[in-house]
């Protein structure tokens, strides 16, 4: 999907059309994954013809993407004007809001992986945006994006959990029982005990193992 949500689209510029082109060279990819049990919920519902549950899983993922975009719109800034480099620290200068070139490509499944669905999102961000203050193109502060990746991850996963909890009454595992990937998992319906049967699978779309991809789960593991 591209960024089409009316509530945030004015803060972004389309980076590319995934229906017609590949991700552009030089963009940054931020790769977001979801709890395995969300994919298990979708697969279970599809196999048994539970249309409402199928729609619930898809809607929960859509809520995650929506809130993620809101977070990016609030927190990603441009480095406007002259900046002075400081070794080991952010450069000194103005950090101001602007419109960010961005495209989200969302998948419910990883290619060639047929056991259960694995919702994930490829967020491609350009290197320069248009500042609100002067309408000119300036570099995006990618260092801050990298440093604040935990905020984006928490926002993303909190939204899908909240939707399934508040609208459908589903329960999630206690934070102390998080998987090694850092996720709470569904315990009502109780998919949590089977999560380990479906190991992590990374989607090859986008930049894969390139340094231009930030795998959020891997980053959080190192923090």
N, C-alpha and C. Protein backbone atom coordinates (compact mmCIF):
# COMPACT_ATOMS: atom_id res chain seq x y z
N UNK A 1 0.84 -1.19 0.00
CA UNK A 1 0.00 0.00 0.00
C UNK A 1 0.87 1.24 0.00
N UNK A 2 0.38 2.31 -0.58
CA UNK A 2 1.04 3.59 -0.47
C UNK A 2 0.32 4.39 0.60
N UNK A 3 0.86 5.53 0.95
CA UNK A 3 0.26 6.34 2.00
C UNK A 3 -1.00 7.01 1.44
N UNK A 4 -2.16 6.58 1.91
CA UNK A 4 -3.41 7.14 1.43
C UNK A 4 -4.31 7.62 2.56
N UNK A 5 -3.92 7.37 3.80
CA UNK A 5 -4.77 7.77 4.93
C UNK A 5 -4.94 9.29 4.94
N UNK A 6 -6.18 9.77 4.83
CA UNK A 6 -6.42 11.20 4.75
C UNK A 6 -5.85 11.96 5.94
N UNK A 7 -5.83 11.30 7.10
CA UNK A 7 -5.43 11.98 8.32
C UNK A 7 -3.94 12.32 8.34
N UNK A 8 -3.13 11.65 7.55
CA UNK A 8 -1.70 11.91 7.60
C UNK A 8 -1.09 12.18 6.23
N UNK A 9 -1.84 12.00 5.16
CA UNK A 9 -1.24 12.08 3.83
C UNK A 9 -0.65 13.44 3.53
N UNK A 10 -1.20 14.51 4.16
CA UNK A 10 -0.67 15.84 3.88
C UNK A 10 0.74 16.02 4.41
N UNK A 11 1.18 15.15 5.29
CA UNK A 11 2.53 15.25 5.84
C UNK A 11 3.55 14.46 5.03
N UNK A 12 3.10 13.74 4.01
CA UNK A 12 4.00 12.91 3.24
C UNK A 12 3.88 13.17 1.74
N UNK A 13 4.93 12.86 1.04
CA UNK A 13 4.95 12.83 -0.41
C UNK A 13 5.14 11.38 -0.83
N UNK A 14 4.47 10.90 -1.89
CA UNK A 14 4.70 9.52 -2.33
C UNK A 14 6.12 9.36 -2.85
N UNK A 15 6.83 8.39 -2.31
CA UNK A 15 8.21 8.16 -2.73
C UNK A 15 8.27 7.41 -4.06
N UNK A 16 7.42 6.38 -4.21
CA UNK A 16 7.33 5.63 -5.46
C UNK A 16 6.02 4.87 -5.46
N UNK A 17 5.62 4.39 -6.63
CA UNK A 17 4.41 3.59 -6.77
C UNK A 17 4.82 2.13 -6.86
N UNK A 18 4.57 1.33 -5.81
CA UNK A 18 5.02 -0.07 -5.82
C UNK A 18 4.36 -0.92 -6.90
N UNK A 19 3.25 -0.45 -7.46
CA UNK A 19 2.61 -1.20 -8.55
C UNK A 19 3.37 -1.06 -9.86
N UNK A 20 4.23 -0.04 -9.92
CA UNK A 20 4.91 0.24 -11.19
C UNK A 20 6.42 0.28 -11.08
N UNK A 21 6.94 0.36 -9.88
CA UNK A 21 8.39 0.54 -9.74
C UNK A 21 8.90 -0.18 -8.49
N UNK A 22 10.22 -0.40 -8.49
CA UNK A 22 10.89 -0.96 -7.32
C UNK A 22 11.29 0.16 -6.38
N UNK A 23 11.58 -0.17 -5.12
CA UNK A 23 12.04 0.87 -4.20
C UNK A 23 13.26 1.59 -4.76
N UNK A 24 13.29 2.91 -4.69
CA UNK A 24 14.41 3.65 -5.29
C UNK A 24 15.71 3.47 -4.52
N UNK A 25 16.79 3.46 -5.26
CA UNK A 25 18.11 3.40 -4.65
C UNK A 25 18.35 4.63 -3.80
N UNK A 26 18.89 4.42 -2.62
CA UNK A 26 19.21 5.55 -1.75
C UNK A 26 18.20 5.81 -0.67
N UNK A 27 16.99 5.27 -0.82
CA UNK A 27 15.99 5.44 0.25
C UNK A 27 16.35 4.56 1.43
N UNK A 28 15.77 4.86 2.57
CA UNK A 28 15.94 4.04 3.77
C UNK A 28 14.71 3.17 3.93
N UNK A 29 14.89 1.90 4.22
CA UNK A 29 13.77 1.00 4.51
C UNK A 29 13.74 0.68 5.99
N UNK A 30 12.59 0.86 6.62
CA UNK A 30 12.39 0.46 8.01
C UNK A 30 11.40 -0.70 7.99
N UNK A 31 11.83 -1.85 8.47
CA UNK A 31 11.06 -3.10 8.34
C UNK A 31 10.42 -3.44 9.68
N UNK A 32 9.08 -3.36 9.71
CA UNK A 32 8.31 -3.61 10.93
C UNK A 32 7.65 -4.98 10.86
N UNK A 33 7.77 -5.74 11.95
CA UNK A 33 7.12 -7.04 12.06
C UNK A 33 6.06 -7.00 13.16
N UNK A 34 5.15 -7.96 13.12
CA UNK A 34 4.06 -8.03 14.08
C UNK A 34 4.14 -9.34 14.88
N UNK A 35 3.38 -9.45 15.97
CA UNK A 35 3.35 -10.72 16.71
C UNK A 35 2.94 -11.88 15.80
N UNK A 36 3.60 -13.00 15.98
CA UNK A 36 3.28 -14.19 15.18
C UNK A 36 1.81 -14.58 15.34
N UNK A 37 1.28 -14.39 16.53
CA UNK A 37 -0.10 -14.81 16.78
C UNK A 37 -1.12 -14.01 15.98
N UNK A 38 -0.76 -12.81 15.52
CA UNK A 38 -1.66 -12.08 14.63
C UNK A 38 -1.79 -12.81 13.31
N UNK A 39 -0.68 -13.29 12.78
CA UNK A 39 -0.72 -14.08 11.56
C UNK A 39 -1.43 -15.40 11.76
N UNK A 40 -1.27 -16.00 12.93
CA UNK A 40 -1.97 -17.25 13.24
C UNK A 40 -3.48 -17.01 13.27
N UNK A 41 -3.88 -15.87 13.82
CA UNK A 41 -5.30 -15.53 13.86
C UNK A 41 -5.87 -15.44 12.45
N UNK A 42 -5.16 -14.75 11.56
CA UNK A 42 -5.64 -14.63 10.17
C UNK A 42 -5.73 -15.99 9.51
N UNK A 43 -4.69 -16.80 9.64
CA UNK A 43 -4.67 -18.12 9.00
C UNK A 43 -5.78 -19.00 9.54
N UNK A 44 -5.95 -19.02 10.85
CA UNK A 44 -7.02 -19.80 11.49
C UNK A 44 -8.39 -19.37 10.96
N UNK A 45 -8.61 -18.06 10.91
CA UNK A 45 -9.91 -17.55 10.47
C UNK A 45 -10.17 -17.86 9.00
N UNK A 46 -9.15 -17.74 8.17
CA UNK A 46 -9.34 -18.04 6.75
C UNK A 46 -9.63 -19.51 6.52
N UNK A 47 -8.91 -20.38 7.22
CA UNK A 47 -9.10 -21.82 7.05
C UNK A 47 -10.50 -22.27 7.45
N UNK A 48 -11.06 -21.60 8.44
CA UNK A 48 -12.37 -22.00 8.95
C UNK A 48 -13.52 -21.13 8.44
N UNK A 49 -13.19 -20.22 7.57
CA UNK A 49 -14.23 -19.40 6.98
C UNK A 49 -14.84 -18.38 7.92
N UNK A 50 -14.07 -17.96 8.94
CA UNK A 50 -14.57 -16.96 9.88
C UNK A 50 -14.26 -15.57 9.32
N UNK A 51 -15.16 -15.09 8.52
CA UNK A 51 -14.91 -13.84 7.82
C UNK A 51 -14.69 -12.65 8.76
N UNK A 52 -15.47 -12.59 9.82
CA UNK A 52 -15.34 -11.46 10.74
C UNK A 52 -13.97 -11.45 11.42
N UNK A 53 -13.47 -12.62 11.78
CA UNK A 53 -12.15 -12.68 12.40
C UNK A 53 -11.05 -12.37 11.39
N UNK A 54 -11.24 -12.79 10.16
CA UNK A 54 -10.29 -12.45 9.10
C UNK A 54 -10.19 -10.94 8.97
N UNK A 55 -11.35 -10.29 8.92
CA UNK A 55 -11.39 -8.83 8.81
C UNK A 55 -10.81 -8.16 10.05
N UNK A 56 -10.99 -8.79 11.21
CA UNK A 56 -10.44 -8.22 12.44
C UNK A 56 -8.92 -8.20 12.41
N UNK A 57 -8.32 -9.31 11.96
CA UNK A 57 -6.86 -9.36 11.88
C UNK A 57 -6.32 -8.32 10.91
N UNK A 58 -6.97 -8.19 9.76
CA UNK A 58 -6.53 -7.22 8.75
C UNK A 58 -6.71 -5.80 9.28
N UNK A 59 -7.84 -5.55 9.95
CA UNK A 59 -8.09 -4.22 10.49
C UNK A 59 -7.08 -3.86 11.58
N UNK A 60 -6.73 -4.82 12.42
CA UNK A 60 -5.74 -4.56 13.46
C UNK A 60 -4.42 -4.11 12.85
N UNK A 61 -4.03 -4.77 11.78
CA UNK A 61 -2.79 -4.39 11.10
C UNK A 61 -2.91 -2.99 10.51
N UNK A 62 -4.05 -2.69 9.92
CA UNK A 62 -4.26 -1.35 9.35
C UNK A 62 -4.18 -0.27 10.43
N UNK A 63 -4.71 -0.57 11.62
CA UNK A 63 -4.63 0.38 12.73
C UNK A 63 -3.17 0.63 13.11
N UNK A 64 -2.36 -0.43 13.08
CA UNK A 64 -0.95 -0.29 13.41
C UNK A 64 -0.25 0.64 12.42
N UNK A 65 -0.52 0.45 11.13
CA UNK A 65 0.11 1.29 10.12
C UNK A 65 -0.34 2.74 10.27
N UNK A 66 -1.63 2.95 10.53
CA UNK A 66 -2.14 4.31 10.69
C UNK A 66 -1.43 5.04 11.83
N UNK A 67 -1.33 4.39 12.99
CA UNK A 67 -0.70 5.04 14.13
C UNK A 67 0.80 5.22 13.92
N UNK A 68 1.42 4.28 13.21
CA UNK A 68 2.83 4.44 12.88
C UNK A 68 3.05 5.69 12.04
N UNK A 69 2.19 5.91 11.06
CA UNK A 69 2.32 7.10 10.21
C UNK A 69 2.13 8.38 11.02
N UNK A 70 1.17 8.36 11.93
CA UNK A 70 1.00 9.52 12.80
C UNK A 70 2.28 9.80 13.59
N UNK A 71 2.89 8.75 14.10
CA UNK A 71 4.11 8.91 14.89
C UNK A 71 5.25 9.45 14.03
N UNK A 72 5.39 8.92 12.83
CA UNK A 72 6.44 9.41 11.94
C UNK A 72 6.19 10.88 11.57
N UNK A 73 4.94 11.23 11.31
CA UNK A 73 4.61 12.61 10.94
C UNK A 73 4.97 13.57 12.07
N UNK A 74 4.81 13.13 13.31
CA UNK A 74 5.11 13.99 14.46
C UNK A 74 6.60 14.08 14.76
N UNK A 75 7.32 13.01 14.50
CA UNK A 75 8.68 12.90 15.05
C UNK A 75 9.82 12.99 14.06
N UNK A 76 9.56 12.84 12.76
CA UNK A 76 10.64 12.93 11.79
C UNK A 76 10.77 14.38 11.33
N UNK A 77 11.98 14.93 11.45
CA UNK A 77 12.23 16.32 11.10
C UNK A 77 13.31 16.45 10.03
N UNK A 78 13.44 17.65 9.50
CA UNK A 78 14.44 17.94 8.49
C UNK A 78 15.56 18.77 9.10
N UNK A 79 16.73 18.62 8.53
CA UNK A 79 17.88 19.42 8.96
C UNK A 79 17.92 20.64 8.04
N UNK A 80 17.34 21.73 8.52
CA UNK A 80 17.13 22.92 7.69
C UNK A 80 18.28 23.91 7.86
N UNK A 81 18.78 24.40 6.74
CA UNK A 81 19.86 25.38 6.77
C UNK A 81 21.21 24.75 7.05
N UNK A 82 22.14 25.56 7.45
CA UNK A 82 23.50 25.07 7.72
C UNK A 82 23.52 24.29 9.03
N UNK A 83 24.27 23.18 9.00
CA UNK A 83 24.47 22.36 10.19
C UNK A 83 25.96 22.17 10.41
N UNK A 84 26.36 22.25 11.66
CA UNK A 84 27.76 22.07 12.02
C UNK A 84 27.95 20.69 12.63
N UNK A 85 28.84 19.91 12.03
CA UNK A 85 29.08 18.56 12.53
C UNK A 85 29.81 18.57 13.87
N UNK A 86 29.37 17.68 14.77
CA UNK A 86 30.00 17.51 16.07
C UNK A 86 30.32 16.03 16.22
N UNK A 87 31.59 15.64 16.33
CA UNK A 87 31.95 14.22 16.41
C UNK A 87 31.20 13.49 17.52
N UNK A 88 30.52 12.39 17.15
CA UNK A 88 29.83 11.56 18.12
C UNK A 88 28.51 12.13 18.62
N UNK A 89 28.08 13.26 18.07
CA UNK A 89 26.84 13.88 18.52
C UNK A 89 26.06 14.40 17.32
N UNK A 90 24.75 14.69 17.51
CA UNK A 90 23.99 15.27 16.40
C UNK A 90 24.58 16.60 15.96
N UNK A 91 24.45 16.90 14.68
CA UNK A 91 24.96 18.17 14.18
C UNK A 91 24.19 19.33 14.80
N UNK A 92 24.83 20.48 14.84
CA UNK A 92 24.21 21.66 15.43
C UNK A 92 23.54 22.48 14.33
N UNK A 93 22.24 22.74 14.50
CA UNK A 93 21.49 23.48 13.50
C UNK A 93 20.01 23.36 13.78
N UNK A 94 19.19 23.78 12.81
CA UNK A 94 17.74 23.76 12.99
C UNK A 94 17.16 22.42 12.53
N UNK A 95 16.30 21.82 13.38
CA UNK A 95 15.57 20.60 13.06
C UNK A 95 14.08 20.98 13.02
N UNK A 96 13.50 20.99 11.82
CA UNK A 96 12.15 21.52 11.65
C UNK A 96 11.26 20.54 10.91
N UNK A 97 9.93 20.65 11.10
CA UNK A 97 9.00 19.74 10.43
C UNK A 97 8.89 20.02 8.93
N UNK A 98 8.47 19.00 8.21
CA UNK A 98 8.28 19.14 6.77
C UNK A 98 7.60 17.92 6.20
N UNK A 99 7.39 17.93 4.91
CA UNK A 99 6.76 16.80 4.23
C UNK A 99 7.83 15.80 3.82
N UNK A 100 7.57 14.54 4.14
CA UNK A 100 8.55 13.47 3.99
C UNK A 100 8.16 12.56 2.82
N UNK A 101 9.05 12.30 1.87
CA UNK A 101 8.76 11.31 0.84
C UNK A 101 8.74 9.91 1.46
N UNK A 102 7.61 9.24 1.36
CA UNK A 102 7.44 7.97 2.07
C UNK A 102 6.43 7.09 1.34
N UNK A 103 6.75 5.81 1.28
CA UNK A 103 5.81 4.80 0.77
C UNK A 103 5.84 3.60 1.69
N UNK A 104 4.67 3.11 2.05
CA UNK A 104 4.55 1.90 2.86
C UNK A 104 4.08 0.76 1.96
N UNK A 105 4.80 -0.35 1.98
CA UNK A 105 4.38 -1.56 1.28
C UNK A 105 4.06 -2.59 2.35
N UNK A 106 2.77 -2.96 2.45
CA UNK A 106 2.31 -3.85 3.51
C UNK A 106 2.05 -5.24 2.96
N UNK A 107 2.46 -6.26 3.70
CA UNK A 107 2.24 -7.65 3.31
C UNK A 107 1.61 -8.42 4.47
N UNK A 108 0.71 -9.34 4.14
CA UNK A 108 0.20 -10.26 5.16
C UNK A 108 1.02 -11.54 5.23
N UNK A 109 1.72 -11.88 4.14
CA UNK A 109 2.49 -13.11 4.08
C UNK A 109 3.91 -12.83 3.59
N UNK A 110 4.83 -13.70 3.99
CA UNK A 110 6.18 -13.70 3.44
C UNK A 110 6.18 -14.66 2.25
N UNK A 111 6.73 -14.25 1.11
CA UNK A 111 6.72 -15.12 -0.07
C UNK A 111 7.34 -16.50 0.21
N UNK A 112 6.74 -17.52 -0.39
CA UNK A 112 7.23 -18.90 -0.28
C UNK A 112 7.17 -19.44 1.15
N UNK A 113 6.36 -18.82 2.00
CA UNK A 113 6.20 -19.28 3.38
C UNK A 113 4.70 -19.52 3.59
N UNK A 114 4.31 -20.79 3.66
CA UNK A 114 2.89 -21.13 3.60
C UNK A 114 2.30 -21.64 4.92
N UNK A 115 3.08 -21.63 6.01
CA UNK A 115 2.53 -22.19 7.25
C UNK A 115 1.50 -21.25 7.87
N UNK A 116 1.89 -20.02 8.20
CA UNK A 116 0.94 -19.03 8.72
C UNK A 116 1.29 -17.68 8.13
N UNK A 117 0.34 -16.77 8.21
CA UNK A 117 0.59 -15.40 7.76
C UNK A 117 1.59 -14.72 8.69
N UNK A 118 2.31 -13.76 8.15
CA UNK A 118 3.24 -12.95 8.94
C UNK A 118 3.10 -11.50 8.48
N UNK A 119 2.22 -10.78 9.14
CA UNK A 119 2.01 -9.38 8.79
C UNK A 119 3.31 -8.59 8.98
N UNK A 120 3.65 -7.77 8.00
CA UNK A 120 4.82 -6.91 8.15
C UNK A 120 4.71 -5.74 7.18
N UNK A 121 5.53 -4.73 7.42
CA UNK A 121 5.48 -3.52 6.62
C UNK A 121 6.89 -3.04 6.26
N UNK A 122 7.04 -2.69 4.99
CA UNK A 122 8.26 -2.07 4.49
C UNK A 122 7.98 -0.57 4.37
N UNK A 123 8.61 0.22 5.24
CA UNK A 123 8.41 1.67 5.20
C UNK A 123 9.65 2.28 4.53
N UNK A 124 9.46 2.81 3.33
CA UNK A 124 10.56 3.40 2.56
C UNK A 124 10.51 4.92 2.71
N UNK A 125 11.63 5.50 3.11
CA UNK A 125 11.70 6.93 3.39
C UNK A 125 12.81 7.55 2.55
N UNK A 126 12.49 8.63 1.87
CA UNK A 126 13.49 9.34 1.07
C UNK A 126 14.50 10.05 1.95
N UNK A 127 15.56 10.52 1.35
CA UNK A 127 16.63 11.17 2.11
C UNK A 127 16.43 12.67 2.28
N UNK A 128 15.52 13.27 1.52
CA UNK A 128 15.28 14.69 1.60
C UNK A 128 13.77 14.97 1.58
N UNK A 129 13.36 16.03 2.28
CA UNK A 129 11.95 16.40 2.32
C UNK A 129 11.79 17.90 2.14
N UNK A 130 10.54 18.35 2.08
CA UNK A 130 10.24 19.76 1.86
C UNK A 130 9.86 20.40 3.19
N UNK A 131 10.64 21.37 3.62
CA UNK A 131 10.42 22.02 4.91
C UNK A 131 9.19 22.91 4.88
N UNK A 132 8.42 22.89 5.96
CA UNK A 132 7.25 23.75 6.07
C UNK A 132 7.65 25.23 6.09
N UNK A 133 8.80 25.52 6.67
CA UNK A 133 9.18 26.91 6.92
C UNK A 133 9.50 27.68 5.63
N UNK A 134 10.05 26.99 4.62
CA UNK A 134 10.46 27.71 3.42
C UNK A 134 10.12 27.01 2.10
N UNK A 135 9.52 25.80 2.17
CA UNK A 135 9.16 25.10 0.94
C UNK A 135 10.34 24.54 0.17
N UNK A 136 11.49 24.51 0.77
CA UNK A 136 12.70 24.02 0.09
C UNK A 136 13.02 22.59 0.55
N UNK A 137 13.80 21.90 -0.28
CA UNK A 137 14.22 20.53 0.04
C UNK A 137 15.43 20.56 0.95
N UNK A 138 15.34 19.76 2.05
CA UNK A 138 16.44 19.66 3.00
C UNK A 138 16.60 18.20 3.43
N UNK A 139 17.78 17.83 3.94
CA UNK A 139 17.99 16.43 4.36
C UNK A 139 17.09 16.04 5.53
N UNK A 140 16.62 14.81 5.49
CA UNK A 140 15.86 14.26 6.61
C UNK A 140 16.84 13.84 7.71
N UNK A 141 16.44 14.06 8.93
CA UNK A 141 17.29 13.69 10.06
C UNK A 141 17.13 12.19 10.34
N UNK A 142 17.84 11.39 9.59
CA UNK A 142 17.72 9.94 9.71
C UNK A 142 18.36 9.42 11.00
N UNK A 143 19.31 10.16 11.55
CA UNK A 143 19.92 9.74 12.82
C UNK A 143 18.88 9.68 13.93
N UNK A 144 18.02 10.69 13.98
CA UNK A 144 16.99 10.70 15.01
C UNK A 144 15.96 9.60 14.78
N UNK A 145 15.64 9.35 13.52
CA UNK A 145 14.72 8.25 13.21
C UNK A 145 15.27 6.95 13.75
N UNK A 146 16.54 6.70 13.53
CA UNK A 146 17.18 5.48 14.01
C UNK A 146 17.16 5.41 15.54
N UNK A 147 17.48 6.53 16.18
CA UNK A 147 17.56 6.55 17.64
C UNK A 147 16.19 6.40 18.30
N UNK A 148 15.14 6.85 17.61
CA UNK A 148 13.79 6.80 18.18
C UNK A 148 12.98 5.62 17.67
N UNK A 149 13.66 4.59 17.16
CA UNK A 149 12.95 3.47 16.56
C UNK A 149 12.08 2.74 17.58
N UNK A 150 12.46 2.77 18.85
CA UNK A 150 11.64 2.12 19.87
C UNK A 150 10.27 2.79 19.97
N UNK A 151 10.24 4.10 19.87
CA UNK A 151 8.96 4.82 19.92
C UNK A 151 8.06 4.37 18.77
N UNK A 152 8.63 4.26 17.57
CA UNK A 152 7.84 3.83 16.42
C UNK A 152 7.33 2.40 16.61
N UNK A 153 8.19 1.52 17.12
CA UNK A 153 7.81 0.12 17.31
C UNK A 153 6.70 -0.02 18.35
N UNK A 154 6.82 0.72 19.46
CA UNK A 154 5.80 0.66 20.51
C UNK A 154 4.47 1.18 19.98
N UNK A 155 4.51 2.27 19.24
CA UNK A 155 3.28 2.85 18.68
C UNK A 155 2.60 1.87 17.74
N UNK A 156 3.38 1.27 16.89
CA UNK A 156 2.88 0.32 15.88
C UNK A 156 2.19 -0.88 16.53
N UNK A 157 2.87 -1.50 17.48
CA UNK A 157 2.31 -2.71 18.09
C UNK A 157 1.21 -2.41 19.09
N UNK A 158 1.28 -1.26 19.75
CA UNK A 158 0.22 -0.90 20.69
C UNK A 158 -1.11 -0.71 19.98
N UNK A 159 -1.07 -0.19 18.76
CA UNK A 159 -2.31 0.07 18.04
C UNK A 159 -3.04 -1.22 17.67
N UNK A 160 -2.30 -2.21 17.18
CA UNK A 160 -2.98 -3.46 16.79
C UNK A 160 -3.47 -4.21 18.02
N UNK A 161 -2.71 -4.16 19.11
CA UNK A 161 -3.15 -4.81 20.34
C UNK A 161 -4.41 -4.15 20.89
N UNK A 162 -4.43 -2.83 20.86
CA UNK A 162 -5.56 -2.09 21.41
C UNK A 162 -6.84 -2.40 20.62
N UNK A 163 -6.73 -2.46 19.31
CA UNK A 163 -7.92 -2.73 18.50
C UNK A 163 -8.50 -4.10 18.83
N UNK A 164 -7.68 -5.13 18.85
CA UNK A 164 -8.19 -6.48 19.12
C UNK A 164 -8.67 -6.62 20.56
N UNK A 165 -8.05 -5.90 21.48
CA UNK A 165 -8.49 -5.96 22.88
C UNK A 165 -9.80 -5.21 23.07
N UNK A 166 -9.87 -3.98 22.59
CA UNK A 166 -11.01 -3.12 22.88
C UNK A 166 -12.24 -3.46 22.04
N UNK A 167 -12.04 -3.86 20.79
CA UNK A 167 -13.16 -4.13 19.90
C UNK A 167 -13.60 -5.58 19.96
N UNK A 168 -12.66 -6.51 20.13
CA UNK A 168 -12.96 -7.93 20.07
C UNK A 168 -12.79 -8.65 21.39
N UNK A 169 -12.30 -7.97 22.42
CA UNK A 169 -12.15 -8.60 23.72
C UNK A 169 -11.03 -9.62 23.80
N UNK A 170 -10.09 -9.58 22.86
CA UNK A 170 -8.98 -10.54 22.89
C UNK A 170 -7.96 -10.11 23.93
N UNK A 171 -7.28 -11.09 24.53
CA UNK A 171 -6.28 -10.81 25.56
C UNK A 171 -4.89 -11.16 25.07
N UNK A 172 -3.93 -10.39 25.57
CA UNK A 172 -2.53 -10.58 25.20
C UNK A 172 -1.73 -11.07 26.40
N UNK A 173 -0.64 -11.72 26.13
CA UNK A 173 0.21 -12.25 27.20
C UNK A 173 0.80 -11.13 28.03
N UNK A 174 1.22 -11.49 29.24
CA UNK A 174 1.87 -10.55 30.12
C UNK A 174 3.22 -10.14 29.53
N UNK A 175 3.63 -8.87 29.70
CA UNK A 175 4.93 -8.44 29.16
C UNK A 175 6.10 -9.31 29.60
N UNK A 176 5.99 -9.90 30.78
CA UNK A 176 7.08 -10.75 31.26
C UNK A 176 7.22 -12.03 30.44
N UNK A 177 6.20 -12.34 29.65
CA UNK A 177 6.22 -13.57 28.84
C UNK A 177 6.44 -13.29 27.36
N UNK A 178 7.02 -12.15 27.05
CA UNK A 178 7.26 -11.79 25.66
C UNK A 178 8.18 -12.79 24.99
N UNK A 179 7.99 -12.95 23.67
CA UNK A 179 8.86 -13.83 22.90
C UNK A 179 10.22 -13.17 22.75
N UNK A 180 11.18 -13.93 22.21
CA UNK A 180 12.53 -13.37 22.03
C UNK A 180 12.52 -12.19 21.08
N UNK A 181 11.48 -12.10 20.22
CA UNK A 181 11.36 -10.97 19.31
C UNK A 181 10.76 -9.75 19.99
N UNK A 182 10.39 -9.88 21.27
CA UNK A 182 9.90 -8.75 22.03
C UNK A 182 8.41 -8.50 21.96
N UNK A 183 7.64 -9.48 21.46
CA UNK A 183 6.21 -9.30 21.30
C UNK A 183 5.40 -9.97 22.40
N UNK A 184 4.31 -9.31 22.80
CA UNK A 184 3.26 -10.02 23.51
C UNK A 184 2.51 -10.84 22.47
N UNK A 185 1.89 -11.95 22.90
CA UNK A 185 1.15 -12.79 21.96
C UNK A 185 -0.27 -13.02 22.47
N UNK A 186 -1.14 -13.38 21.58
CA UNK A 186 -2.54 -13.61 21.94
C UNK A 186 -2.69 -14.84 22.84
N UNK A 187 -3.38 -14.64 23.97
CA UNK A 187 -3.69 -15.76 24.86
C UNK A 187 -5.19 -16.01 24.92
N UNK A 188 -5.98 -15.15 24.31
CA UNK A 188 -7.42 -15.38 24.20
C UNK A 188 -7.89 -14.74 22.91
N UNK A 189 -7.97 -15.51 21.82
CA UNK A 189 -7.74 -16.96 21.70
C UNK A 189 -6.28 -17.31 21.96
N UNK A 190 -6.07 -18.51 22.49
CA UNK A 190 -4.76 -18.86 23.01
C UNK A 190 -3.84 -19.44 21.94
N UNK A 191 -3.20 -18.54 21.18
CA UNK A 191 -2.22 -18.96 20.18
C UNK A 191 -0.80 -18.96 20.75
N UNK A 192 -0.60 -18.33 21.90
CA UNK A 192 0.74 -18.14 22.44
C UNK A 192 1.56 -19.43 22.56
N UNK A 193 0.99 -20.55 23.04
CA UNK A 193 1.82 -21.75 23.21
C UNK A 193 2.38 -22.30 21.90
N UNK A 194 1.79 -21.95 20.77
CA UNK A 194 2.22 -22.50 19.49
C UNK A 194 3.10 -21.55 18.69
N UNK A 195 3.38 -20.37 19.23
CA UNK A 195 4.15 -19.37 18.49
C UNK A 195 5.52 -19.91 18.09
N UNK A 196 6.16 -20.65 18.98
CA UNK A 196 7.51 -21.15 18.69
C UNK A 196 7.54 -22.13 17.52
N UNK A 197 6.39 -22.67 17.13
CA UNK A 197 6.34 -23.59 15.99
C UNK A 197 6.49 -22.85 14.66
N UNK A 198 6.42 -21.54 14.69
CA UNK A 198 6.46 -20.75 13.45
C UNK A 198 7.57 -19.71 13.56
N UNK A 199 8.78 -20.10 13.23
CA UNK A 199 9.93 -19.19 13.41
C UNK A 199 9.86 -17.98 12.50
N UNK A 200 10.67 -17.05 12.84
CA UNK A 200 10.72 -15.79 12.09
C UNK A 200 11.11 -16.03 10.63
N UNK A 201 10.44 -15.31 9.75
CA UNK A 201 10.77 -15.33 8.32
C UNK A 201 10.79 -13.89 7.83
N UNK A 202 11.88 -13.48 7.21
CA UNK A 202 12.01 -12.12 6.71
C UNK A 202 11.64 -12.06 5.23
N UNK A 203 10.93 -11.04 4.87
CA UNK A 203 10.48 -10.87 3.48
C UNK A 203 11.64 -10.34 2.63
N UNK A 204 11.86 -10.91 1.45
CA UNK A 204 12.96 -10.45 0.61
C UNK A 204 12.66 -9.16 -0.15
N UNK A 205 11.41 -8.72 -0.14
CA UNK A 205 11.08 -7.48 -0.84
C UNK A 205 11.88 -6.32 -0.24
N UNK A 206 12.24 -5.38 -1.05
CA UNK A 206 12.97 -4.23 -0.53
C UNK A 206 14.46 -4.46 -0.54
N UNK A 207 15.14 -4.05 0.53
CA UNK A 207 16.59 -4.06 0.54
C UNK A 207 17.22 -5.26 1.25
N UNK A 208 16.38 -6.14 1.80
CA UNK A 208 16.92 -7.37 2.38
C UNK A 208 17.98 -7.12 3.43
N UNK A 209 19.14 -7.65 3.20
CA UNK A 209 20.24 -7.54 4.16
C UNK A 209 21.08 -6.29 3.97
N UNK A 210 20.69 -5.40 3.09
CA UNK A 210 21.44 -4.18 2.85
C UNK A 210 21.45 -3.29 4.08
N UNK A 211 22.47 -2.44 4.19
CA UNK A 211 22.54 -1.49 5.29
C UNK A 211 21.46 -0.42 5.18
N UNK A 212 20.78 -0.35 4.02
CA UNK A 212 19.69 0.59 3.85
C UNK A 212 18.39 0.09 4.46
N UNK A 213 18.37 -1.14 4.98
CA UNK A 213 17.20 -1.66 5.70
C UNK A 213 17.49 -1.66 7.19
N UNK A 214 16.57 -1.08 7.96
CA UNK A 214 16.62 -1.18 9.41
C UNK A 214 15.58 -2.20 9.84
N UNK A 215 16.04 -3.38 10.32
CA UNK A 215 15.14 -4.38 10.85
C UNK A 215 14.84 -4.02 12.31
N UNK A 216 13.63 -3.56 12.56
CA UNK A 216 13.31 -3.00 13.87
C UNK A 216 13.54 -4.01 14.99
N UNK A 217 13.13 -5.25 14.80
CA UNK A 217 13.30 -6.27 15.84
C UNK A 217 14.78 -6.43 16.19
N UNK A 218 15.65 -6.45 15.19
CA UNK A 218 17.08 -6.62 15.43
C UNK A 218 17.65 -5.42 16.17
N UNK A 219 17.20 -4.23 15.82
CA UNK A 219 17.69 -3.02 16.48
C UNK A 219 17.30 -3.04 17.96
N UNK A 220 16.06 -3.38 18.24
CA UNK A 220 15.60 -3.39 19.63
C UNK A 220 16.32 -4.45 20.45
N UNK A 221 16.69 -5.55 19.81
CA UNK A 221 17.43 -6.60 20.53
C UNK A 221 18.78 -6.08 21.01
N UNK A 222 19.37 -5.12 20.29
CA UNK A 222 20.69 -4.63 20.64
C UNK A 222 20.64 -3.49 21.64
N UNK A 223 19.48 -2.91 21.84
CA UNK A 223 19.36 -1.78 22.75
C UNK A 223 19.37 -2.22 24.22
